[in-house]
């Protein structure tokens, strides 16, 4: 991914699972350059085992409180 060539580490990457390119494929390609990968989907059917390369799943519609809590939870893991 050309956009990530100039960065050593990205803190957060938010990916929709169902895009023209699979969010799972993008996560696999960028896992080593991203501290936290958060998948977003309108389907809650994705099991944790499907999110091997991700750290969190948010189900649409995502309200600000849910987003805020998820980000804070991931940040607190690194302390």
PDB file of N, CA and C in Angstrom:
ATOM      1  N   UNK A   1       0.844  -1.167   0.000  1.00  0.00           N
ATOM      2  CA  UNK A   1       0.000   0.000   0.000  1.00  0.00           C
ATOM      3  C   UNK A   1       0.893   1.234   0.000  1.00  0.00           C
ATOM      4  N   UNK A   2       0.858   1.956  -1.060  1.00  0.00           N
ATOM      5  CA  UNK A   2       1.731   3.110  -1.253  1.00  0.00           C
ATOM      6  C   UNK A   2       1.551   4.173  -0.174  1.00  0.00           C
ATOM      7  N   UNK A   3       0.355   4.347   0.316  1.00  0.00           N
ATOM      8  CA  UNK A   3       0.099   5.386   1.316  1.00  0.00           C
ATOM      9  C   UNK A   3       0.858   5.140   2.609  1.00  0.00           C
ATOM     10  N   UNK A   4       1.253   3.907   2.873  1.00  0.00           N
ATOM     11  CA  UNK A   4       1.916   3.579   4.120  1.00  0.00           C
ATOM     12  C   UNK A   4       3.426   3.474   3.994  1.00  0.00           C
ATOM     13  N   UNK A   5       3.970   3.680   2.821  1.00  0.00           N
ATOM     14  CA  UNK A   5       5.416   3.550   2.633  1.00  0.00           C
ATOM     15  C   UNK A   5       6.201   4.584   3.421  1.00  0.00           C
ATOM     16  N   UNK A   6       5.628   5.757   3.660  1.00  0.00           N
ATOM     17  CA  UNK A   6       6.346   6.839   4.319  1.00  0.00           C
ATOM     18  C   UNK A   6       6.158   6.841   5.829  1.00  0.00           C
ATOM     19  N   UNK A   7       5.384   5.919   6.347  1.00  0.00           N
ATOM     20  CA  UNK A   7       5.100   5.870   7.775  1.00  0.00           C
ATOM     21  C   UNK A   7       5.678   4.597   8.361  1.00  0.00           C
ATOM     22  N   UNK A   8       6.298   4.738   9.519  1.00  0.00           N
ATOM     23  CA  UNK A   8       6.808   3.548  10.180  1.00  0.00           C
ATOM     24  C   UNK A   8       5.693   2.830  10.930  1.00  0.00           C
ATOM     25  N   UNK A   9       4.812   3.597  11.570  1.00  0.00           N
ATOM     26  CA  UNK A   9       3.748   2.991  12.360  1.00  0.00           C
ATOM     27  C   UNK A   9       2.529   3.901  12.350  1.00  0.00           C
ATOM     28  N   UNK A  10       1.368   3.307  12.149  1.00  0.00           N
ATOM     29  CA  UNK A  10       0.100   4.013  12.219  1.00  0.00           C
ATOM     30  C   UNK A  10      -0.600   3.501  13.470  1.00  0.00           C
ATOM     31  N   UNK A  11      -1.171   4.407  14.268  1.00  0.00           N
ATOM     32  CA  UNK A  11      -1.805   3.978  15.515  1.00  0.00           C
ATOM     33  C   UNK A  11      -3.128   3.256  15.280  1.00  0.00           C
ATOM     34  N   UNK A  12      -4.035   3.851  14.514  1.00  0.00           N
ATOM     35  CA  UNK A  12      -5.353   3.272  14.299  1.00  0.00           C
ATOM     36  C   UNK A  12      -5.678   3.195  12.815  1.00  0.00           C
ATOM     37  N   UNK A  13      -6.275   2.083  12.422  1.00  0.00           N
ATOM     38  CA  UNK A  13      -6.799   1.925  11.078  1.00  0.00           C
ATOM     39  C   UNK A  13      -8.218   1.378  11.224  1.00  0.00           C
ATOM     40  N   UNK A  14      -9.189   2.119  10.686  1.00  0.00           N
ATOM     41  CA  UNK A  14     -10.581   1.705  10.734  1.00  0.00           C
ATOM     42  C   UNK A  14     -10.962   1.210   9.345  1.00  0.00           C
ATOM     43  N   UNK A  15     -11.433  -0.034   9.275  1.00  0.00           N
ATOM     44  CA  UNK A  15     -11.735  -0.661   7.992  1.00  0.00           C
ATOM     45  C   UNK A  15     -13.142  -1.233   7.984  1.00  0.00           C
ATOM     46  N   UNK A  16     -13.879  -0.915   6.935  1.00  0.00           N
ATOM     47  CA  UNK A  16     -15.133  -1.607   6.712  1.00  0.00           C
ATOM     48  C   UNK A  16     -14.777  -2.985   6.183  1.00  0.00           C
ATOM     49  N   UNK A  17     -15.481  -3.988   6.613  1.00  0.00           N
ATOM     50  CA  UNK A  17     -15.162  -5.353   6.184  1.00  0.00           C
ATOM     51  C   UNK A  17     -15.547  -5.576   4.728  1.00  0.00           C
ATOM     52  N   UNK A  18     -16.704  -5.069   4.350  1.00  0.00           N
ATOM     53  CA  UNK A  18     -17.211  -5.311   2.997  1.00  0.00           C
ATOM     54  C   UNK A  18     -17.042  -4.070   2.125  1.00  0.00           C
ATOM     55  N   UNK A  19     -15.916  -4.022   1.431  1.00  0.00           N
ATOM     56  CA  UNK A  19     -15.622  -2.941   0.492  1.00  0.00           C
ATOM     57  C   UNK A  19     -15.315  -3.592  -0.856  1.00  0.00           C
ATOM     58  N   UNK A  20     -14.916  -2.779  -1.829  1.00  0.00           N
ATOM     59  CA  UNK A  20     -14.494  -3.356  -3.112  1.00  0.00           C
ATOM     60  C   UNK A  20     -13.344  -4.330  -2.901  1.00  0.00           C
ATOM     61  N   UNK A  21     -12.463  -3.982  -1.986  1.00  0.00           N
ATOM     62  CA  UNK A  21     -11.386  -4.866  -1.550  1.00  0.00           C
ATOM     63  C   UNK A  21     -11.743  -5.282  -0.132  1.00  0.00           C
ATOM     64  N   UNK A  22     -11.541  -6.517   0.216  1.00  0.00           N
ATOM     65  CA  UNK A  22     -11.898  -6.993   1.548  1.00  0.00           C
ATOM     66  C   UNK A  22     -11.090  -6.288   2.632  1.00  0.00           C
ATOM     67  N   UNK A  23     -11.775  -5.818   3.653  1.00  0.00           N
ATOM     68  CA  UNK A  23     -11.099  -5.226   4.803  1.00  0.00           C
ATOM     69  C   UNK A  23     -10.161  -6.217   5.464  1.00  0.00           C
ATOM     70  N   UNK A  24     -10.513  -7.505   5.403  1.00  0.00           N
ATOM     71  CA  UNK A  24      -9.638  -8.543   5.958  1.00  0.00           C
ATOM     72  C   UNK A  24      -8.316  -8.601   5.189  1.00  0.00           C
ATOM     73  N   UNK A  25      -8.388  -8.469   3.855  1.00  0.00           N
ATOM     74  CA  UNK A  25      -7.171  -8.500   3.038  1.00  0.00           C
ATOM     75  C   UNK A  25      -6.282  -7.293   3.339  1.00  0.00           C
ATOM     76  N   UNK A  26      -6.885  -6.139   3.459  1.00  0.00           N
ATOM     77  CA  UNK A  26      -6.113  -4.926   3.777  1.00  0.00           C
ATOM     78  C   UNK A  26      -5.460  -5.070   5.146  1.00  0.00           C
ATOM     79  N   UNK A  27      -6.195  -5.586   6.110  1.00  0.00           N
ATOM     80  CA  UNK A  27      -5.644  -5.782   7.452  1.00  0.00           C
ATOM     81  C   UNK A  27      -4.441  -6.716   7.426  1.00  0.00           C
ATOM     82  N   UNK A  28      -4.542  -7.794   6.651  1.00  0.00           N
ATOM     83  CA  UNK A  28      -3.413  -8.728   6.535  1.00  0.00           C
ATOM     84  C   UNK A  28      -2.180  -8.031   5.950  1.00  0.00           C
ATOM     85  N   UNK A  29      -2.393  -7.196   4.944  1.00  0.00           N
ATOM     86  CA  UNK A  29      -1.269  -6.521   4.287  1.00  0.00           C
ATOM     87  C   UNK A  29      -0.613  -5.478   5.190  1.00  0.00           C
ATOM     88  N   UNK A  30      -1.400  -4.840   6.039  1.00  0.00           N
ATOM     89  CA  UNK A  30      -0.888  -3.709   6.812  1.00  0.00           C
ATOM     90  C   UNK A  30      -0.659  -4.010   8.288  1.00  0.00           C
ATOM     91  N   UNK A  31      -0.924  -5.214   8.724  1.00  0.00           N
ATOM     92  CA  UNK A  31      -0.854  -5.543  10.154  1.00  0.00           C
ATOM     93  C   UNK A  31       0.457  -5.102  10.805  1.00  0.00           C
ATOM     94  N   UNK A  32       1.565  -5.256  10.139  1.00  0.00           N
ATOM     95  CA  UNK A  32       2.859  -4.906  10.734  1.00  0.00           C
ATOM     96  C   UNK A  32       3.091  -3.409  10.841  1.00  0.00           C
ATOM     97  N   UNK A  33       2.275  -2.605  10.144  1.00  0.00           N
ATOM     98  CA  UNK A  33       2.446  -1.157  10.167  1.00  0.00           C
ATOM     99  C   UNK A  33       1.391  -0.443  11.010  1.00  0.00           C
ATOM    100  N   UNK A  34       0.487  -1.195  11.616  1.00  0.00           N
ATOM    101  CA  UNK A  34      -0.631  -0.591  12.335  1.00  0.00           C
ATOM    102  C   UNK A  34      -0.700  -1.157  13.743  1.00  0.00           C
ATOM    103  N   UNK A  35      -0.779  -0.254  14.713  1.00  0.00           N
ATOM    104  CA  UNK A  35      -0.870  -0.699  16.100  1.00  0.00           C
ATOM    105  C   UNK A  35      -2.232  -1.340  16.380  1.00  0.00           C
ATOM    106  N   UNK A  36      -3.324  -0.674  15.968  1.00  0.00           N
ATOM    107  CA  UNK A  36      -4.669  -1.182  16.221  1.00  0.00           C
ATOM    108  C   UNK A  36      -5.496  -1.144  14.943  1.00  0.00           C
ATOM    109  N   UNK A  37      -6.129  -2.263  14.629  1.00  0.00           N
ATOM    110  CA  UNK A  37      -7.046  -2.331  13.495  1.00  0.00           C
ATOM    111  C   UNK A  37      -8.446  -2.560  14.037  1.00  0.00           C
ATOM    112  N   UNK A  38      -9.354  -1.668  13.656  1.00  0.00           N
ATOM    113  CA  UNK A  38     -10.748  -1.766  14.085  1.00  0.00           C
ATOM    114  C   UNK A  38     -11.594  -2.012  12.843  1.00  0.00           C
ATOM    115  N   UNK A  39     -12.284  -3.142  12.832  1.00  0.00           N
ATOM    116  CA  UNK A  39     -13.198  -3.445  11.741  1.00  0.00           C
ATOM    117  C   UNK A  39     -14.564  -2.838  12.044  1.00  0.00           C
ATOM    118  N   UNK A  40     -15.225  -2.390  10.985  1.00  0.00           N
ATOM    119  CA  UNK A  40     -16.558  -1.825  11.104  1.00  0.00           C
ATOM    120  C   UNK A  40     -17.446  -2.551  10.102  1.00  0.00           C
ATOM    121  N   UNK A  41     -18.622  -2.966  10.558  1.00  0.00           N
ATOM    122  CA  UNK A  41     -19.526  -3.691   9.676  1.00  0.00           C
ATOM    123  C   UNK A  41     -20.969  -3.447  10.097  1.00  0.00           C
ATOM    124  N   UNK A  42     -21.861  -3.571   9.152  1.00  0.00           N
ATOM    125  CA  UNK A  42     -23.276  -3.478   9.492  1.00  0.00           C
ATOM    126  C   UNK A  42     -23.819  -4.850   9.871  1.00  0.00           C
ATOM    127  N   UNK A  43     -22.957  -5.864   9.845  1.00  0.00           N
ATOM    128  CA  UNK A  43     -23.356  -7.227  10.180  1.00  0.00           C
ATOM    129  C   UNK A  43     -22.649  -7.688  11.443  1.00  0.00           C
ATOM    130  N   UNK A  44     -23.403  -8.154  12.401  1.00  0.00           N
ATOM    131  CA  UNK A  44     -22.793  -8.635  13.644  1.00  0.00           C
ATOM    132  C   UNK A  44     -22.447 -10.117  13.567  1.00  0.00           C
ATOM    133  N   UNK A  45     -22.534 -10.701  12.379  1.00  0.00           N
ATOM    134  CA  UNK A  45     -22.310 -12.144  12.224  1.00  0.00           C
ATOM    135  C   UNK A  45     -20.832 -12.537  12.258  1.00  0.00           C
ATOM    136  N   UNK A  46     -19.949 -11.563  12.143  1.00  0.00           N
ATOM    137  CA  UNK A  46     -18.527 -11.895  12.126  1.00  0.00           C
ATOM    138  C   UNK A  46     -18.076 -12.322  13.512  1.00  0.00           C
ATOM    139  N   UNK A  47     -17.544 -13.521  13.590  1.00  0.00           N
ATOM    140  CA  UNK A  47     -17.065 -14.049  14.861  1.00  0.00           C
ATOM    141  C   UNK A  47     -15.673 -13.513  15.136  1.00  0.00           C
ATOM    142  N   UNK A  48     -15.276 -13.588  16.364  1.00  0.00           N
ATOM    143  CA  UNK A  48     -13.939 -13.137  16.746  1.00  0.00           C
ATOM    144  C   UNK A  48     -12.875 -13.875  15.936  1.00  0.00           C
ATOM    145  N   UNK A  49     -13.108 -15.128  15.620  1.00  0.00           N
ATOM    146  CA  UNK A  49     -12.130 -15.886  14.839  1.00  0.00           C
ATOM    147  C   UNK A  49     -11.948 -15.294  13.446  1.00  0.00           C
ATOM    148  N   UNK A  50     -12.970 -14.594  12.925  1.00  0.00           N
ATOM    149  CA  UNK A  50     -12.849 -13.939  11.625  1.00  0.00           C
ATOM    150  C   UNK A  50     -11.964 -12.696  11.705  1.00  0.00           C
ATOM    151  N   UNK A  51     -11.754 -12.204  12.906  1.00  0.00           N
ATOM    152  CA  UNK A  51     -11.049 -10.938  13.085  1.00  0.00           C
ATOM    153  C   UNK A  51      -9.609 -11.149  13.535  1.00  0.00           C
ATOM    154  N   UNK A  52      -9.003 -12.195  13.050  1.00  0.00           N
ATOM    155  CA  UNK A  52      -7.647 -12.551  13.471  1.00  0.00           C
ATOM    156  C   UNK A  52      -6.685 -11.380  13.348  1.00  0.00           C
ATOM    157  N   UNK A  53      -6.786 -10.625  12.287  1.00  0.00           N
ATOM    158  CA  UNK A  53      -5.867  -9.504  12.074  1.00  0.00           C
ATOM    159  C   UNK A  53      -6.395  -8.191  12.630  1.00  0.00           C
ATOM    160  N   UNK A  54      -7.495  -8.232  13.346  1.00  0.00           N
ATOM    161  CA  UNK A  54      -8.076  -7.023  13.902  1.00  0.00           C
ATOM    162  C   UNK A  54      -8.097  -7.053  15.416  1.00  0.00           C
ATOM    163  N   UNK A  55      -8.312  -5.881  15.992  1.00  0.00           N
ATOM    164  CA  UNK A  55      -8.323  -5.761  17.443  1.00  0.00           C
ATOM    165  C   UNK A  55      -9.715  -5.519  18.007  1.00  0.00           C
ATOM    166  N   UNK A  56     -10.630  -5.078  17.160  1.00  0.00           N
ATOM    167  CA  UNK A  56     -11.962  -4.723  17.640  1.00  0.00           C
ATOM    168  C   UNK A  56     -12.932  -4.764  16.476  1.00  0.00           C
ATOM    169  N   UNK A  57     -14.204  -5.010  16.782  1.00  0.00           N
ATOM    170  CA  UNK A  57     -15.273  -4.948  15.789  1.00  0.00           C
ATOM    171  C   UNK A  57     -16.330  -3.990  16.288  1.00  0.00           C
ATOM    172  N   UNK A  58     -16.685  -3.020  15.466  1.00  0.00           N
ATOM    173  CA  UNK A  58     -17.787  -2.099  15.760  1.00  0.00           C
ATOM    174  C   UNK A  58     -18.890  -2.372  14.750  1.00  0.00           C
ATOM    175  N   UNK A  59     -20.120  -2.459  15.235  1.00  0.00           N
ATOM    176  CA  UNK A  59     -21.260  -2.743  14.370  1.00  0.00           C
ATOM    177  C   UNK A  59     -22.000  -1.443  14.090  1.00  0.00           C
ATOM    178  N   UNK A  60     -22.223  -1.193  12.793  1.00  0.00           N
ATOM    179  CA  UNK A  60     -22.939   0.015  12.367  1.00  0.00           C
ATOM    180  C   UNK A  60     -24.400  -0.060  12.773  1.00  0.00           C
ATOM    181  N   UNK A  61     -25.034   1.039  13.039  1.00  0.00           N
ATOM    182  CA  UNK A  61     -24.452   2.370  13.125  1.00  0.00           C
ATOM    183  C   UNK A  61     -23.659   2.515  14.425  1.00  0.00           C
ATOM    184  N   UNK A  62     -22.519   3.144  14.333  1.00  0.00           N
ATOM    185  CA  UNK A  62     -21.636   3.328  15.484  1.00  0.00           C
ATOM    186  C   UNK A  62     -21.880   4.713  16.063  1.00  0.00           C
ATOM    187  N   UNK A  63     -22.306   4.751  17.314  1.00  0.00           N
ATOM    188  CA  UNK A  63     -22.492   6.053  17.953  1.00  0.00           C
ATOM    189  C   UNK A  63     -21.166   6.501  18.573  1.00  0.00           C
ATOM    190  N   UNK A  64     -21.087   7.769  18.897  1.00  0.00           N
ATOM    191  CA  UNK A  64     -19.833   8.334  19.392  1.00  0.00           C
ATOM    192  C   UNK A  64     -19.377   7.646  20.671  1.00  0.00           C
ATOM    193  N   UNK A  65     -20.276   7.336  21.572  1.00  0.00           N
ATOM    194  CA  UNK A  65     -19.911   6.718  22.853  1.00  0.00           C
ATOM    195  C   UNK A  65     -19.246   5.351  22.634  1.00  0.00           C
ATOM    196  N   UNK A  66     -19.812   4.547  21.745  1.00  0.00           N
ATOM    197  CA  UNK A  66     -19.248   3.234  21.430  1.00  0.00           C
ATOM    198  C   UNK A  66     -17.862   3.377  20.811  1.00  0.00           C
ATOM    199  N   UNK A  67     -17.727   4.315  19.877  1.00  0.00           N
ATOM    200  CA  UNK A  67     -16.444   4.597  19.235  1.00  0.00           C
ATOM    201  C   UNK A  67     -15.415   5.025  20.287  1.00  0.00           C
ATOM    202  N   UNK A  68     -15.787   5.965  21.121  1.00  0.00           N
ATOM    203  CA  UNK A  68     -14.912   6.497  22.162  1.00  0.00           C
ATOM    204  C   UNK A  68     -14.463   5.395  23.124  1.00  0.00           C
ATOM    205  N   UNK A  69     -15.412   4.568  23.565  1.00  0.00           N
ATOM    206  CA  UNK A  69     -15.083   3.481  24.489  1.00  0.00           C
ATOM    207  C   UNK A  69     -14.137   2.462  23.847  1.00  0.00           C
ATOM    208  N   UNK A  70     -14.361   2.152  22.588  1.00  0.00           N
ATOM    209  CA  UNK A  70     -13.501   1.177  21.891  1.00  0.00           C
ATOM    210  C   UNK A  70     -12.075   1.702  21.767  1.00  0.00           C
ATOM    211  N   UNK A  71     -11.930   2.948  21.380  1.00  0.00           N
ATOM    212  CA  UNK A  71     -10.599   3.546  21.241  1.00  0.00           C
ATOM    213  C   UNK A  71      -9.896   3.591  22.592  1.00  0.00           C
ATOM    214  N   UNK A  72     -10.603   4.027  23.621  1.00  0.00           N
ATOM    215  CA  UNK A  72      -9.993   4.085  24.962  1.00  0.00           C
ATOM    216  C   UNK A  72      -9.605   2.705  25.471  1.00  0.00           C
ATOM    217  N   UNK A  73     -10.415   1.702  25.190  1.00  0.00           N
ATOM    218  CA  UNK A  73     -10.092   0.340  25.606  1.00  0.00           C
ATOM    219  C   UNK A  73      -8.813  -0.136  24.943  1.00  0.00           C
ATOM    220  N   UNK A  74      -8.658   0.133  23.659  1.00  0.00           N
ATOM    221  CA  UNK A  74      -7.440  -0.287  22.969  1.00  0.00           C
ATOM    222  C   UNK A  74      -6.214   0.487  23.459  1.00  0.00           C
ATOM    223  N   UNK A  75      -6.379   1.765  23.682  1.00  0.00           N
ATOM    224  CA  UNK A  75      -5.256   2.572  24.177  1.00  0.00           C
ATOM    225  C   UNK A  75      -4.817   2.076  25.553  1.00  0.00           C
ATOM    226  N   UNK A  76      -5.769   1.736  26.395  1.00  0.00           N
ATOM    227  CA  UNK A  76      -5.423   1.302  27.748  1.00  0.00           C
ATOM    228  C   UNK A  76      -4.686  -0.045  27.753  1.00  0.00           C
ATOM    229  N   UNK A  77      -4.793  -0.827  26.675  1.00  0.00           N
ATOM    230  CA  UNK A  77      -4.055  -2.087  26.565  1.00  0.00           C
ATOM    231  C   UNK A  77      -2.548  -1.853  26.510  1.00  0.00           C
ATOM    232  N   UNK A  78      -2.147  -0.698  26.000  1.00  0.00           N
ATOM    233  CA  UNK A  78      -0.714  -0.448  25.801  1.00  0.00           C
ATOM    234  C   UNK A  78      -0.056   0.188  27.008  1.00  0.00           C
ATOM    235  N   UNK A  79      -0.807   0.491  28.005  1.00  0.00           N
ATOM    236  CA  UNK A  79      -0.218   1.155  29.191  1.00  0.00           C
ATOM    237  C   UNK A  79       0.339   0.179  30.153  1.00  0.00           C
TER     238      UNK A  79
END
